[in-house]
């Protein structure tokens, strides 16, 4: 996926993309996130402690998921827009609630389904990192690292089932 017009990126940055942790930040996920300059959490954090730990690792963009209803989550928005290294990113938990995309949106990051998805839709990268929290059904436990430079590349990480 190529970036938009007018990008002035000189080097790439690594963005940890995680979702549906449901109160559990696995040690393997922590290790992967340590090498990232930014973290995006696509909702269902379920715990202020997890959010605090992410924010200690790197600057964090986070949205509210359907399980983030306690008072600590009141400050979280349903959607967030962030520009990282010239890439315009929209973050939302449930893709079914996706607002109309602005013309400058390059990437949409979402969660909720607990299923990894990486897909180009009309030149926009749609990325669901899967669930990094407790195992649900037989779905893999996963997260992703998004490298943003002249192009955007995604690396999926399958996490071990032990916390």
N, C-alpha and C. Protein backbone atom coordinates (compact mmCIF):
# COMPACT_ATOMS: atom_id res chain seq x y z
N UNK A 1 0.85 -1.17 0.00
CA UNK A 1 0.00 0.00 0.00
C UNK A 1 0.90 1.24 0.00
N UNK A 2 0.67 2.12 -0.91
CA UNK A 2 1.46 3.35 -1.01
C UNK A 2 0.78 4.47 -0.26
N UNK A 3 1.60 5.36 0.26
CA UNK A 3 1.08 6.50 1.00
C UNK A 3 0.48 7.56 0.09
N UNK A 4 -0.16 8.54 0.72
CA UNK A 4 -0.81 9.62 -0.03
C UNK A 4 0.18 10.59 -0.61
N UNK A 5 -0.31 11.48 -1.42
CA UNK A 5 0.51 12.51 -2.04
C UNK A 5 1.13 13.42 -0.97
N UNK A 6 2.29 13.94 -1.25
CA UNK A 6 2.89 14.94 -0.38
C UNK A 6 3.51 14.40 0.89
N UNK A 7 3.79 13.11 0.95
CA UNK A 7 4.43 12.56 2.15
C UNK A 7 5.90 12.95 2.15
N UNK A 8 6.40 13.26 3.32
CA UNK A 8 7.80 13.62 3.46
C UNK A 8 8.49 12.70 4.45
N UNK A 9 8.16 11.41 4.40
CA UNK A 9 8.75 10.47 5.34
C UNK A 9 10.20 10.19 4.97
N UNK A 10 11.05 10.26 5.96
CA UNK A 10 12.46 9.97 5.75
C UNK A 10 12.79 8.57 6.24
N UNK A 11 12.09 8.12 7.26
CA UNK A 11 12.31 6.79 7.79
C UNK A 11 10.97 6.22 8.20
N UNK A 12 10.97 4.95 8.49
CA UNK A 12 9.71 4.31 8.87
C UNK A 12 9.57 4.27 10.39
N UNK A 13 8.33 4.14 10.83
CA UNK A 13 8.06 3.95 12.25
C UNK A 13 7.26 2.66 12.41
N UNK A 14 7.41 2.06 13.57
CA UNK A 14 6.68 0.83 13.90
C UNK A 14 5.54 1.18 14.85
N UNK A 15 4.35 0.71 14.49
CA UNK A 15 3.15 0.98 15.29
C UNK A 15 2.58 -0.37 15.73
N UNK A 16 2.52 -0.58 17.04
CA UNK A 16 1.91 -1.79 17.56
C UNK A 16 0.40 -1.65 17.47
N UNK A 17 -0.27 -2.65 16.91
CA UNK A 17 -1.71 -2.61 16.74
C UNK A 17 -2.30 -3.80 17.50
N UNK A 18 -3.15 -3.48 18.47
CA UNK A 18 -3.67 -4.49 19.38
C UNK A 18 -5.14 -4.20 19.63
N UNK A 19 -5.90 -5.23 19.95
CA UNK A 19 -7.32 -5.04 20.22
C UNK A 19 -7.83 -6.16 21.10
N UNK A 20 -8.99 -5.93 21.68
CA UNK A 20 -9.71 -6.95 22.43
C UNK A 20 -8.82 -7.67 23.44
N UNK A 21 -8.12 -6.89 24.26
CA UNK A 21 -7.27 -7.47 25.30
C UNK A 21 -8.10 -7.96 26.49
N UNK A 22 -9.28 -7.40 26.68
CA UNK A 22 -10.21 -7.86 27.73
C UNK A 22 -9.51 -8.06 29.07
N UNK A 23 -8.71 -7.05 29.46
CA UNK A 23 -8.08 -7.06 30.78
C UNK A 23 -6.77 -7.82 30.86
N UNK A 24 -6.28 -8.36 29.76
CA UNK A 24 -5.06 -9.17 29.77
C UNK A 24 -4.05 -8.62 28.77
N UNK A 25 -2.90 -8.19 29.27
CA UNK A 25 -1.80 -7.80 28.38
C UNK A 25 -0.72 -8.88 28.52
N UNK A 26 -0.65 -9.74 27.54
CA UNK A 26 0.27 -10.87 27.56
C UNK A 26 1.72 -10.40 27.53
N UNK A 27 2.61 -11.17 28.16
CA UNK A 27 4.03 -10.80 28.19
C UNK A 27 4.61 -10.78 26.78
N UNK A 28 4.19 -11.68 25.91
CA UNK A 28 4.68 -11.68 24.53
C UNK A 28 4.25 -10.41 23.80
N UNK A 29 3.02 -9.96 24.04
CA UNK A 29 2.55 -8.71 23.43
C UNK A 29 3.37 -7.53 23.94
N UNK A 30 3.67 -7.51 25.24
CA UNK A 30 4.50 -6.45 25.83
C UNK A 30 5.86 -6.39 25.12
N UNK A 31 6.47 -7.54 24.91
CA UNK A 31 7.79 -7.59 24.27
C UNK A 31 7.72 -7.03 22.85
N UNK A 32 6.71 -7.41 22.10
CA UNK A 32 6.56 -6.91 20.73
C UNK A 32 6.35 -5.40 20.73
N UNK A 33 5.53 -4.91 21.64
CA UNK A 33 5.22 -3.47 21.71
C UNK A 33 6.43 -2.63 22.13
N UNK A 34 7.37 -3.21 22.85
CA UNK A 34 8.56 -2.48 23.30
C UNK A 34 9.33 -1.87 22.12
N UNK A 35 9.27 -2.51 20.96
CA UNK A 35 10.01 -2.02 19.80
C UNK A 35 9.22 -1.05 18.93
N UNK A 36 8.09 -0.57 19.45
CA UNK A 36 7.22 0.30 18.65
C UNK A 36 7.29 1.75 19.14
N UNK A 37 7.16 2.70 18.20
CA UNK A 37 7.16 4.12 18.55
C UNK A 37 5.76 4.63 18.90
N UNK A 38 4.73 3.86 18.55
CA UNK A 38 3.34 4.24 18.85
C UNK A 38 2.54 2.95 18.98
N UNK A 39 1.46 3.02 19.76
CA UNK A 39 0.56 1.87 19.93
C UNK A 39 -0.85 2.34 19.59
N UNK A 40 -1.59 1.48 18.88
CA UNK A 40 -3.01 1.72 18.64
C UNK A 40 -3.77 0.54 19.22
N UNK A 41 -4.71 0.84 20.12
CA UNK A 41 -5.58 -0.19 20.70
C UNK A 41 -6.99 0.05 20.19
N UNK A 42 -7.56 -0.95 19.51
CA UNK A 42 -8.86 -0.79 18.86
C UNK A 42 -10.03 -1.23 19.76
N UNK A 43 -9.91 -1.04 21.05
CA UNK A 43 -11.04 -1.19 21.96
C UNK A 43 -11.18 -2.56 22.62
N UNK A 44 -12.10 -2.59 23.60
CA UNK A 44 -12.29 -3.71 24.52
C UNK A 44 -11.01 -3.96 25.32
N UNK A 45 -10.59 -2.89 25.96
CA UNK A 45 -9.43 -2.91 26.84
C UNK A 45 -9.82 -3.62 28.14
N UNK A 46 -10.97 -3.23 28.68
CA UNK A 46 -11.58 -3.85 29.86
C UNK A 46 -10.86 -3.56 31.17
N UNK A 47 -9.78 -2.78 31.14
CA UNK A 47 -9.03 -2.54 32.37
C UNK A 47 -8.18 -1.28 32.25
N UNK A 48 -8.29 -0.38 33.23
CA UNK A 48 -7.43 0.80 33.19
C UNK A 48 -5.96 0.43 33.37
N UNK A 49 -5.68 -0.69 34.03
CA UNK A 49 -4.28 -1.12 34.24
C UNK A 49 -3.63 -1.46 32.90
N UNK A 50 -4.36 -2.11 32.00
CA UNK A 50 -3.82 -2.44 30.68
C UNK A 50 -3.53 -1.16 29.91
N UNK A 51 -4.45 -0.22 29.95
CA UNK A 51 -4.25 1.04 29.25
C UNK A 51 -3.03 1.78 29.82
N UNK A 52 -2.91 1.82 31.12
CA UNK A 52 -1.75 2.47 31.75
C UNK A 52 -0.44 1.83 31.34
N UNK A 53 -0.43 0.51 31.28
CA UNK A 53 0.79 -0.19 30.89
C UNK A 53 1.16 0.13 29.44
N UNK A 54 0.18 0.17 28.55
CA UNK A 54 0.45 0.52 27.15
C UNK A 54 1.02 1.93 27.05
N UNK A 55 0.42 2.87 27.79
CA UNK A 55 0.88 4.26 27.75
C UNK A 55 2.28 4.43 28.29
N UNK A 56 2.73 3.53 29.17
CA UNK A 56 4.11 3.58 29.67
C UNK A 56 5.10 3.06 28.63
N UNK A 57 4.63 2.21 27.72
CA UNK A 57 5.51 1.66 26.68
C UNK A 57 5.74 2.67 25.57
N UNK A 58 4.65 3.29 25.07
CA UNK A 58 4.76 4.24 23.95
C UNK A 58 3.49 5.08 23.91
N UNK A 59 3.53 6.23 23.23
CA UNK A 59 2.30 7.00 23.06
C UNK A 59 1.22 6.09 22.48
N UNK A 60 0.00 6.20 23.01
CA UNK A 60 -1.06 5.26 22.67
C UNK A 60 -2.31 5.98 22.21
N UNK A 61 -2.85 5.54 21.07
CA UNK A 61 -4.15 5.97 20.58
C UNK A 61 -5.11 4.82 20.87
N UNK A 62 -6.23 5.13 21.51
CA UNK A 62 -7.15 4.08 21.92
C UNK A 62 -8.59 4.52 21.70
N UNK A 63 -9.46 3.57 21.37
CA UNK A 63 -10.89 3.85 21.26
C UNK A 63 -11.65 2.97 22.23
N UNK A 64 -12.87 3.37 22.48
CA UNK A 64 -13.74 2.66 23.40
C UNK A 64 -14.42 1.50 22.68
N UNK A 65 -14.36 0.33 23.30
CA UNK A 65 -15.05 -0.84 22.77
C UNK A 65 -16.36 -1.06 23.51
N UNK A 66 -17.13 -2.02 23.06
CA UNK A 66 -18.42 -2.28 23.68
C UNK A 66 -18.30 -2.81 25.11
N UNK A 67 -17.13 -3.30 25.50
CA UNK A 67 -16.92 -3.78 26.87
C UNK A 67 -16.28 -2.72 27.77
N UNK A 68 -15.96 -1.57 27.23
CA UNK A 68 -15.31 -0.49 27.99
C UNK A 68 -16.37 0.49 28.49
N UNK A 69 -17.15 0.06 29.47
CA UNK A 69 -18.27 0.87 29.94
C UNK A 69 -18.08 1.41 31.36
N UNK A 70 -17.06 1.00 32.07
CA UNK A 70 -16.82 1.51 33.43
C UNK A 70 -16.39 2.98 33.37
N UNK A 71 -16.44 3.64 34.53
CA UNK A 71 -16.17 5.09 34.58
C UNK A 71 -14.78 5.46 34.05
N UNK A 72 -13.78 4.59 34.22
CA UNK A 72 -12.43 4.91 33.73
C UNK A 72 -12.43 5.10 32.21
N UNK A 73 -13.38 4.48 31.50
CA UNK A 73 -13.40 4.54 30.04
C UNK A 73 -14.19 5.73 29.50
N UNK A 74 -14.75 6.55 30.38
CA UNK A 74 -15.57 7.68 29.93
C UNK A 74 -14.81 8.65 29.04
N UNK A 75 -13.50 8.74 29.22
CA UNK A 75 -12.70 9.68 28.42
C UNK A 75 -12.39 9.16 27.01
N UNK A 76 -12.68 7.89 26.76
CA UNK A 76 -12.36 7.30 25.46
C UNK A 76 -13.45 7.62 24.44
N UNK A 77 -13.01 7.89 23.21
CA UNK A 77 -13.95 8.18 22.13
C UNK A 77 -14.28 6.90 21.35
N UNK A 78 -15.37 6.93 20.61
CA UNK A 78 -15.77 5.81 19.77
C UNK A 78 -14.86 5.72 18.53
N UNK A 79 -14.46 6.86 18.00
CA UNK A 79 -13.51 6.89 16.88
C UNK A 79 -12.40 7.88 17.21
N UNK A 80 -11.24 7.60 16.69
CA UNK A 80 -10.09 8.51 16.79
C UNK A 80 -9.44 8.58 15.42
N UNK A 81 -8.92 9.76 15.11
CA UNK A 81 -8.12 9.93 13.91
C UNK A 81 -6.73 10.36 14.35
N UNK A 82 -5.72 9.75 13.76
CA UNK A 82 -4.35 10.08 14.10
C UNK A 82 -3.54 10.05 12.80
N UNK A 83 -2.58 10.96 12.70
CA UNK A 83 -1.66 10.96 11.56
C UNK A 83 -0.29 10.57 12.11
N UNK A 84 0.24 9.49 11.56
CA UNK A 84 1.55 8.99 11.97
C UNK A 84 2.44 8.87 10.73
N UNK A 85 3.54 9.58 10.75
CA UNK A 85 4.51 9.54 9.66
C UNK A 85 3.87 9.84 8.31
N UNK A 86 2.87 10.74 8.34
CA UNK A 86 2.20 11.16 7.12
C UNK A 86 1.01 10.30 6.72
N UNK A 87 0.72 9.25 7.46
CA UNK A 87 -0.40 8.35 7.17
C UNK A 87 -1.59 8.73 8.03
N UNK A 88 -2.76 8.91 7.41
CA UNK A 88 -3.99 9.26 8.12
C UNK A 88 -4.73 7.97 8.50
N UNK A 89 -4.92 7.77 9.81
CA UNK A 89 -5.47 6.52 10.32
C UNK A 89 -6.75 6.81 11.09
N UNK A 90 -7.79 6.06 10.79
CA UNK A 90 -9.04 6.10 11.54
C UNK A 90 -9.11 4.83 12.37
N UNK A 91 -9.40 4.99 13.68
CA UNK A 91 -9.48 3.86 14.59
C UNK A 91 -10.91 3.78 15.12
N UNK A 92 -11.50 2.59 15.08
CA UNK A 92 -12.86 2.35 15.58
C UNK A 92 -12.89 0.91 16.08
N UNK A 93 -13.74 0.63 17.06
CA UNK A 93 -13.81 -0.75 17.56
C UNK A 93 -14.63 -1.64 16.63
N UNK A 94 -15.85 -1.24 16.36
CA UNK A 94 -16.78 -2.06 15.58
C UNK A 94 -16.90 -1.49 14.17
N UNK A 95 -16.43 -2.22 13.19
CA UNK A 95 -16.44 -1.75 11.80
C UNK A 95 -17.86 -1.47 11.31
N UNK A 96 -18.85 -2.08 11.92
CA UNK A 96 -20.25 -1.83 11.52
C UNK A 96 -20.66 -0.39 11.82
N UNK A 97 -19.91 0.30 12.69
CA UNK A 97 -20.21 1.68 13.06
C UNK A 97 -19.29 2.67 12.34
N UNK A 98 -18.62 2.22 11.29
CA UNK A 98 -17.66 3.06 10.57
C UNK A 98 -18.35 4.27 9.96
N UNK A 99 -17.85 5.48 10.29
CA UNK A 99 -18.41 6.68 9.66
C UNK A 99 -17.92 6.78 8.21
N UNK A 100 -18.48 7.71 7.48
CA UNK A 100 -18.02 7.97 6.11
C UNK A 100 -16.55 8.36 6.18
N UNK A 101 -15.76 7.74 5.34
CA UNK A 101 -14.32 8.02 5.34
C UNK A 101 -14.03 9.35 4.66
N UNK A 102 -13.11 10.09 5.25
CA UNK A 102 -12.61 11.30 4.59
C UNK A 102 -11.68 10.87 3.47
N UNK A 103 -11.56 11.72 2.47
CA UNK A 103 -10.73 11.40 1.32
C UNK A 103 -9.28 11.13 1.68
N UNK A 104 -8.81 11.70 2.80
CA UNK A 104 -7.41 11.55 3.14
C UNK A 104 -7.13 10.33 4.03
N UNK A 105 -8.14 9.50 4.33
CA UNK A 105 -7.93 8.33 5.17
C UNK A 105 -7.16 7.27 4.39
N UNK A 106 -6.01 6.86 4.94
CA UNK A 106 -5.19 5.82 4.31
C UNK A 106 -5.41 4.44 4.92
N UNK A 107 -5.71 4.44 6.25
CA UNK A 107 -5.78 3.18 6.99
C UNK A 107 -6.97 3.23 7.95
N UNK A 108 -7.71 2.12 8.05
CA UNK A 108 -8.77 1.96 9.05
C UNK A 108 -8.36 0.78 9.93
N UNK A 109 -8.28 1.03 11.23
CA UNK A 109 -7.95 -0.02 12.20
C UNK A 109 -9.18 -0.26 13.07
N UNK A 110 -9.52 -1.54 13.23
CA UNK A 110 -10.71 -1.89 14.02
C UNK A 110 -10.49 -3.21 14.74
N UNK A 111 -11.43 -3.57 15.60
CA UNK A 111 -11.36 -4.82 16.36
C UNK A 111 -12.71 -5.50 16.36
N UNK A 112 -13.13 -5.93 17.55
CA UNK A 112 -14.46 -6.47 17.84
C UNK A 112 -14.68 -7.92 17.42
N UNK A 113 -14.29 -8.31 16.23
CA UNK A 113 -14.59 -9.66 15.74
C UNK A 113 -13.65 -10.72 16.28
N UNK A 114 -12.51 -10.29 16.84
CA UNK A 114 -11.45 -11.18 17.34
C UNK A 114 -10.76 -11.93 16.20
N UNK A 115 -10.99 -11.53 14.94
CA UNK A 115 -10.42 -12.21 13.78
C UNK A 115 -9.49 -11.26 13.04
N UNK A 116 -8.27 -11.72 12.77
CA UNK A 116 -7.31 -10.93 12.00
C UNK A 116 -7.85 -10.70 10.59
N UNK A 117 -7.68 -9.48 10.10
CA UNK A 117 -8.05 -9.16 8.72
C UNK A 117 -7.12 -8.07 8.22
N UNK A 118 -6.60 -8.27 7.04
CA UNK A 118 -5.78 -7.25 6.36
C UNK A 118 -6.27 -7.23 4.93
N UNK A 119 -6.81 -6.08 4.50
CA UNK A 119 -7.44 -6.04 3.19
C UNK A 119 -7.38 -4.62 2.62
N UNK A 120 -7.15 -4.54 1.33
CA UNK A 120 -7.18 -3.26 0.62
C UNK A 120 -8.59 -3.08 0.07
N UNK A 121 -9.24 -1.97 0.44
CA UNK A 121 -10.56 -1.65 -0.07
C UNK A 121 -10.48 -0.28 -0.74
N UNK A 122 -10.46 -0.28 -2.04
CA UNK A 122 -10.38 0.96 -2.82
C UNK A 122 -9.23 1.84 -2.38
N UNK A 123 -8.06 1.24 -2.18
CA UNK A 123 -6.86 1.99 -1.84
C UNK A 123 -6.71 2.33 -0.37
N UNK A 124 -7.63 1.86 0.49
CA UNK A 124 -7.55 2.07 1.93
C UNK A 124 -7.24 0.73 2.59
N UNK A 125 -6.22 0.69 3.45
CA UNK A 125 -5.88 -0.52 4.18
C UNK A 125 -6.83 -0.67 5.36
N UNK A 126 -7.55 -1.79 5.42
CA UNK A 126 -8.39 -2.14 6.56
C UNK A 126 -7.65 -3.21 7.34
N UNK A 127 -7.44 -2.96 8.65
CA UNK A 127 -6.66 -3.86 9.47
C UNK A 127 -7.36 -4.14 10.80
N UNK A 128 -7.61 -5.41 11.05
CA UNK A 128 -8.07 -5.88 12.36
C UNK A 128 -6.97 -6.79 12.87
N UNK A 129 -6.31 -6.42 14.01
CA UNK A 129 -5.20 -7.22 14.50
C UNK A 129 -5.62 -8.54 15.13
N UNK A 130 -6.94 -8.77 15.28
CA UNK A 130 -7.41 -9.94 16.00
C UNK A 130 -7.46 -9.64 17.48
N UNK A 131 -7.66 -10.64 18.28
CA UNK A 131 -7.74 -10.47 19.73
C UNK A 131 -6.45 -10.91 20.40
N UNK A 132 -5.92 -10.04 21.26
CA UNK A 132 -4.70 -10.36 22.01
C UNK A 132 -5.03 -10.76 23.45
N UNK A 133 -6.31 -10.84 23.78
CA UNK A 133 -6.74 -11.16 25.13
C UNK A 133 -6.98 -12.64 25.33
N UNK A 134 -7.85 -12.99 26.26
CA UNK A 134 -8.16 -14.40 26.51
C UNK A 134 -8.70 -15.06 25.24
N UNK A 135 -8.34 -16.32 25.05
CA UNK A 135 -8.78 -17.05 23.85
C UNK A 135 -10.30 -17.12 23.81
N UNK A 136 -10.84 -16.92 22.61
CA UNK A 136 -12.28 -17.01 22.39
C UNK A 136 -12.52 -18.08 21.33
N UNK A 137 -13.30 -19.08 21.68
CA UNK A 137 -13.58 -20.19 20.78
C UNK A 137 -12.25 -20.79 20.32
N UNK A 138 -12.10 -21.07 19.04
CA UNK A 138 -10.86 -21.63 18.52
C UNK A 138 -10.06 -20.60 17.74
N UNK A 139 -10.37 -19.32 17.94
CA UNK A 139 -9.69 -18.26 17.19
C UNK A 139 -8.26 -18.07 17.68
N UNK A 140 -7.33 -17.79 16.77
CA UNK A 140 -5.95 -17.52 17.19
C UNK A 140 -5.88 -16.26 18.03
N UNK A 141 -4.88 -16.18 18.87
CA UNK A 141 -4.59 -14.99 19.66
C UNK A 141 -3.55 -14.21 18.85
N UNK A 142 -3.89 -12.97 18.48
CA UNK A 142 -2.97 -12.26 17.59
C UNK A 142 -2.97 -10.76 17.80
N UNK A 143 -1.96 -10.15 17.23
CA UNK A 143 -1.80 -8.69 17.17
C UNK A 143 -1.00 -8.41 15.91
N UNK A 144 -0.72 -7.14 15.66
CA UNK A 144 0.03 -6.79 14.45
C UNK A 144 1.00 -5.65 14.73
N UNK A 145 1.97 -5.52 13.87
CA UNK A 145 2.84 -4.35 13.84
C UNK A 145 2.74 -3.77 12.44
N UNK A 146 2.41 -2.50 12.40
CA UNK A 146 2.26 -1.75 11.17
C UNK A 146 3.51 -0.90 11.00
N UNK A 147 4.23 -1.09 9.91
CA UNK A 147 5.41 -0.28 9.64
C UNK A 147 5.02 0.76 8.60
N UNK A 148 5.18 2.03 8.97
CA UNK A 148 4.77 3.14 8.12
C UNK A 148 5.99 3.91 7.63
N UNK A 149 6.24 3.82 6.36
CA UNK A 149 7.31 4.55 5.70
C UNK A 149 6.75 5.05 4.38
N UNK A 150 7.50 4.85 3.30
CA UNK A 150 6.97 5.18 1.98
C UNK A 150 5.77 4.30 1.66
N UNK A 151 5.77 3.08 2.21
CA UNK A 151 4.65 2.16 2.09
C UNK A 151 4.26 1.70 3.48
N UNK A 152 3.04 1.16 3.60
CA UNK A 152 2.58 0.58 4.86
C UNK A 152 2.66 -0.93 4.74
N UNK A 153 3.33 -1.56 5.69
CA UNK A 153 3.40 -3.01 5.70
C UNK A 153 2.87 -3.52 7.04
N UNK A 154 2.28 -4.70 7.01
CA UNK A 154 1.68 -5.29 8.20
C UNK A 154 2.35 -6.62 8.49
N UNK A 155 2.70 -6.82 9.75
CA UNK A 155 3.21 -8.11 10.20
C UNK A 155 2.27 -8.62 11.29
N UNK A 156 1.70 -9.80 11.06
CA UNK A 156 0.82 -10.41 12.06
C UNK A 156 1.67 -11.24 13.01
N UNK A 157 1.34 -11.15 14.30
CA UNK A 157 2.00 -11.96 15.31
C UNK A 157 0.97 -12.86 15.96
N UNK A 158 1.21 -14.17 15.91
CA UNK A 158 0.38 -15.12 16.63
C UNK A 158 0.99 -15.29 18.01
N UNK A 159 0.20 -15.05 19.03
CA UNK A 159 0.69 -15.08 20.41
C UNK A 159 0.45 -16.44 21.04
N UNK A 160 1.30 -16.77 21.97
CA UNK A 160 1.15 -18.03 22.70
C UNK A 160 -0.07 -17.94 23.61
N UNK A 161 -0.65 -19.07 23.92
CA UNK A 161 -1.87 -19.05 24.73
C UNK A 161 -1.60 -18.77 26.21
N UNK A 162 -0.35 -18.92 26.63
CA UNK A 162 -0.06 -18.56 28.04
C UNK A 162 0.08 -17.05 28.17
N UNK A 163 -0.40 -16.49 29.28
CA UNK A 163 -0.34 -15.02 29.44
C UNK A 163 1.08 -14.52 29.52
